[in-house]
Amino acid sequence: MKLGLVFLCLISITVGCQQEDYETEQSSETLKKSPFSMRIASKEEIKQNIGISDHLKKLSPKTKSNMLHRDVHNSDYDFIVNTDFSKYIESEDGSFHSYTFLIEREEDNGLVENLVCL
């Protein structure tokens, strides 16, 4: 009786584990090249971009020389923008670009926050 039960279990395991055929080919529509490029922008490049510099100065209007410091602090919302670098994203045709800065808080809230400037 035990031998019959073991034999039945082995047969059901062997038959139940049959490999299924999956289609591994992906269509060319699925694999498209991104129309955007990304790179890291340095602090010097950020300082040279007048539009971004003005935007960062508006975040911390009480400080006269924001861009000389590492960070821009906004006391209204209690966050600090790290201006040492940013991620610069640009479309291939040049019609869109953005700078993304890391936001830091004195008290960690467990979230990843960014400031995106278009």
C-alpha atoms as a PDB file:
ATOM      1  CA  MET A   1       0.000   0.000   0.000  1.00  0.00           C
ATOM      2  CA  LYS A   2       2.764   2.477   0.911  1.00  0.00           C
ATOM      3  CA  LEU A   3       4.657   1.583  -2.239  1.00  0.00           C
ATOM      4  CA  GLY A   4       1.567   2.345  -4.343  1.00  0.00           C
ATOM      5  CA  LEU A   5       1.123   5.747  -2.646  1.00  0.00           C
ATOM      6  CA  VAL A   6       4.785   6.668  -3.197  1.00  0.00           C
ATOM      7  CA  PHE A   7       4.540   5.564  -6.842  1.00  0.00           C
ATOM      8  CA  LEU A   8       1.377   7.667  -7.333  1.00  0.00           C
ATOM      9  CA  CYS A   9       3.077  10.745  -5.793  1.00  0.00           C
ATOM     10  CA  LEU A  10       6.137  10.358  -8.020  1.00  0.00           C
ATOM     11  CA  ILE A  11       4.008  10.069 -11.149  1.00  0.00           C
ATOM     12  CA  SER A  12       1.918  13.128 -10.238  1.00  0.00           C
ATOM     13  CA  ILE A  13       5.033  15.213  -9.504  1.00  0.00           C
ATOM     14  CA  THR A  14       6.693  14.184 -12.762  1.00  0.00           C
ATOM     15  CA  VAL A  15       3.604  14.858 -14.877  1.00  0.00           C
ATOM     16  CA  GLY A  16       2.700  18.057 -13.009  1.00  0.00           C
ATOM     17  CA  CYS A  17       6.094  19.651 -13.645  1.00  0.00           C
ATOM     18  CA  GLN A  18       5.889  19.716 -17.413  1.00  0.00           C
ATOM     19  CA  GLN A  19       7.672  22.680 -19.006  1.00  0.00           C
ATOM     20  CA  GLU A  20       5.420  25.166 -20.746  1.00  0.00           C
ATOM     21  CA  ASP A  21       6.452  26.780 -23.981  1.00  0.00           C
ATOM     22  CA  TYR A  22       6.710  30.559 -23.733  1.00  0.00           C
ATOM     23  CA  GLU A  23       7.198  32.902 -26.596  1.00  0.00           C
ATOM     24  CA  THR A  24      10.604  34.466 -26.017  1.00  0.00           C
ATOM     25  CA  GLU A  25      10.674  36.744 -29.009  1.00  0.00           C
ATOM     26  CA  GLN A  26       9.786  40.361 -28.342  1.00  0.00           C
ATOM     27  CA  SER A  27       8.331  42.499 -31.047  1.00  0.00           C
ATOM     28  CA  SER A  28      10.230  45.550 -32.238  1.00  0.00           C
ATOM     29  CA  GLU A  29       7.381  47.704 -30.912  1.00  0.00           C
ATOM     30  CA  THR A  30       8.172  46.602 -27.356  1.00  0.00           C
ATOM     31  CA  LEU A  31      11.869  47.510 -27.557  1.00  0.00           C
ATOM     32  CA  LYS A  32      11.990  51.197 -28.458  1.00  0.00           C
ATOM     33  CA  LYS A  33      14.877  53.553 -27.878  1.00  0.00           C
ATOM     34  CA  SER A  34      14.077  56.324 -25.428  1.00  0.00           C
ATOM     35  CA  PRO A  35      13.618  59.743 -27.030  1.00  0.00           C
ATOM     36  CA  PHE A  36      15.420  61.285 -24.038  1.00  0.00           C
ATOM     37  CA  SER A  37      19.039  61.438 -22.921  1.00  0.00           C
ATOM     38  CA  MET A  38      20.202  61.867 -19.328  1.00  0.00           C
ATOM     39  CA  ARG A  39      23.469  63.088 -17.862  1.00  0.00           C
ATOM     40  CA  ILE A  40      24.769  64.595 -14.638  1.00  0.00           C
ATOM     41  CA  ALA A  41      25.103  68.394 -14.667  1.00  0.00           C
ATOM     42  CA  SER A  42      27.865  69.879 -12.510  1.00  0.00           C
ATOM     43  CA  LYS A  43      27.503  72.769 -10.079  1.00  0.00           C
ATOM     44  CA  GLU A  44      29.364  75.014 -12.548  1.00  0.00           C
ATOM     45  CA  GLU A  45      26.945  74.169 -15.351  1.00  0.00           C
ATOM     46  CA  ILE A  46      23.996  74.840 -13.041  1.00  0.00           C
ATOM     47  CA  LYS A  47      25.444  78.225 -12.043  1.00  0.00           C
ATOM     48  CA  GLN A  48      25.903  79.171 -15.711  1.00  0.00           C
ATOM     49  CA  ASN A  49      22.249  78.465 -16.515  1.00  0.00           C
ATOM     50  CA  ILE A  50      20.608  81.766 -15.553  1.00  0.00           C
ATOM     51  CA  GLY A  51      17.062  80.365 -15.634  1.00  0.00           C
ATOM     52  CA  ILE A  52      17.860  77.570 -13.178  1.00  0.00           C
ATOM     53  CA  SER A  53      19.935  79.877 -10.970  1.00  0.00           C
ATOM     54  CA  ASP A  54      17.052  82.352 -10.762  1.00  0.00           C
ATOM     55  CA  HIS A  55      14.602  79.565  -9.964  1.00  0.00           C
ATOM     56  CA  LEU A  56      16.822  78.285  -7.130  1.00  0.00           C
ATOM     57  CA  LYS A  57      17.259  81.815  -5.760  1.00  0.00           C
ATOM     58  CA  LYS A  58      13.469  82.203  -5.575  1.00  0.00           C
ATOM     59  CA  LEU A  59      13.307  79.153  -3.312  1.00  0.00           C
ATOM     60  CA  SER A  60      15.490  80.854  -0.732  1.00  0.00           C
ATOM     61  CA  PRO A  61      14.956  84.604  -1.143  1.00  0.00           C
ATOM     62  CA  LYS A  62      16.546  85.541   2.192  1.00  0.00           C
ATOM     63  CA  THR A  63      20.019  84.378   1.141  1.00  0.00           C
ATOM     64  CA  LYS A  64      21.739  86.747  -1.278  1.00  0.00           C
ATOM     65  CA  SER A  65      24.306  84.315  -2.674  1.00  0.00           C
ATOM     66  CA  ASN A  66      22.529  80.946  -2.761  1.00  0.00           C
ATOM     67  CA  MET A  67      24.573  79.447  -5.550  1.00  0.00           C
ATOM     68  CA  LEU A  68      27.848  79.978  -3.716  1.00  0.00           C
ATOM     69  CA  HIS A  69      26.701  77.508  -1.076  1.00  0.00           C
ATOM     70  CA  ARG A  70      26.282  73.782  -1.483  1.00  0.00           C
ATOM     71  CA  ASP A  71      22.597  73.832  -0.629  1.00  0.00           C
ATOM     72  CA  VAL A  72      19.549  76.029  -1.095  1.00  0.00           C
ATOM     73  CA  HIS A  73      17.293  76.071   1.972  1.00  0.00           C
ATOM     74  CA  ASN A  74      13.561  76.800   1.828  1.00  0.00           C
ATOM     75  CA  SER A  75      12.316  77.579   5.328  1.00  0.00           C
ATOM     76  CA  ASP A  76       8.632  77.721   4.300  1.00  0.00           C
ATOM     77  CA  TYR A  77       8.587  74.045   3.340  1.00  0.00           C
ATOM     78  CA  ASP A  78      11.567  73.045   5.503  1.00  0.00           C
ATOM     79  CA  PHE A  79      13.714  71.366   2.865  1.00  0.00           C
ATOM     80  CA  ILE A  80      17.191  71.754   1.429  1.00  0.00           C
ATOM     81  CA  VAL A  81      17.992  71.423  -2.272  1.00  0.00           C
ATOM     82  CA  ASN A  82      21.411  69.886  -2.947  1.00  0.00           C
ATOM     83  CA  THR A  83      22.922  71.982  -5.758  1.00  0.00           C
ATOM     84  CA  ASP A  84      26.248  70.128  -6.066  1.00  0.00           C
ATOM     85  CA  PHE A  85      24.857  68.302  -9.103  1.00  0.00           C
ATOM     86  CA  SER A  86      21.606  67.541 -10.863  1.00  0.00           C
ATOM     87  CA  LYS A  87      20.288  65.102 -13.426  1.00  0.00           C
ATOM     88  CA  TYR A  88      19.789  66.839 -16.751  1.00  0.00           C
ATOM     89  CA  ILE A  89      17.239  65.267 -19.096  1.00  0.00           C
ATOM     90  CA  GLU A  90      16.802  66.435 -22.675  1.00  0.00           C
ATOM     91  CA  SER A  91      14.699  65.225 -25.588  1.00  0.00           C
ATOM     92  CA  GLU A  92      16.499  64.209 -28.777  1.00  0.00           C
ATOM     93  CA  ASP A  93      14.920  67.065 -30.722  1.00  0.00           C
ATOM     94  CA  GLY A  94      15.798  69.613 -27.999  1.00  0.00           C
ATOM     95  CA  SER A  95      12.174  70.622 -27.407  1.00  0.00           C
ATOM     96  CA  PHE A  96      12.213  69.542 -23.746  1.00  0.00           C
ATOM     97  CA  HIS A  97      14.766  69.662 -20.948  1.00  0.00           C
ATOM     98  CA  SER A  98      14.703  69.481 -17.163  1.00  0.00           C
ATOM     99  CA  TYR A  99      17.016  69.587 -14.163  1.00  0.00           C
ATOM    100  CA  THR A 100      16.281  67.248 -11.235  1.00  0.00           C
ATOM    101  CA  PHE A 101      17.771  68.080  -7.823  1.00  0.00           C
ATOM    102  CA  LEU A 102      17.846  65.944  -4.679  1.00  0.00           C
ATOM    103  CA  ILE A 103      15.830  67.309  -1.747  1.00  0.00           C
ATOM    104  CA  GLU A 104      17.074  66.670   1.764  1.00  0.00           C
ATOM    105  CA  ARG A 105      15.326  67.288   5.069  1.00  0.00           C
ATOM    106  CA  GLU A 106      16.799  67.679   8.548  1.00  0.00           C
ATOM    107  CA  GLU A 107      14.396  65.048   9.827  1.00  0.00           C
ATOM    108  CA  ASP A 108      14.287  62.055   7.483  1.00  0.00           C
ATOM    109  CA  ASN A 109      10.714  61.261   6.431  1.00  0.00           C
ATOM    110  CA  GLY A 110      11.634  58.002   4.681  1.00  0.00           C
ATOM    111  CA  LEU A 111      10.808  59.368   1.235  1.00  0.00           C
ATOM    112  CA  VAL A 112      12.965  60.138  -1.787  1.00  0.00           C
ATOM    113  CA  GLU A 113      12.134  63.690  -2.846  1.00  0.00           C
ATOM    114  CA  ASN A 114      13.281  65.636  -5.874  1.00  0.00           C
ATOM    115  CA  LEU A 115      12.867  69.142  -7.224  1.00  0.00           C
ATOM    116  CA  VAL A 116      12.251  69.123 -10.982  1.00  0.00           C
ATOM    117  CA  CYS A 117      12.865  72.367 -12.854  1.00  0.00           C
ATOM    118  CA  LEU A 118      11.525  72.538 -16.393  1.00  0.00           C
END
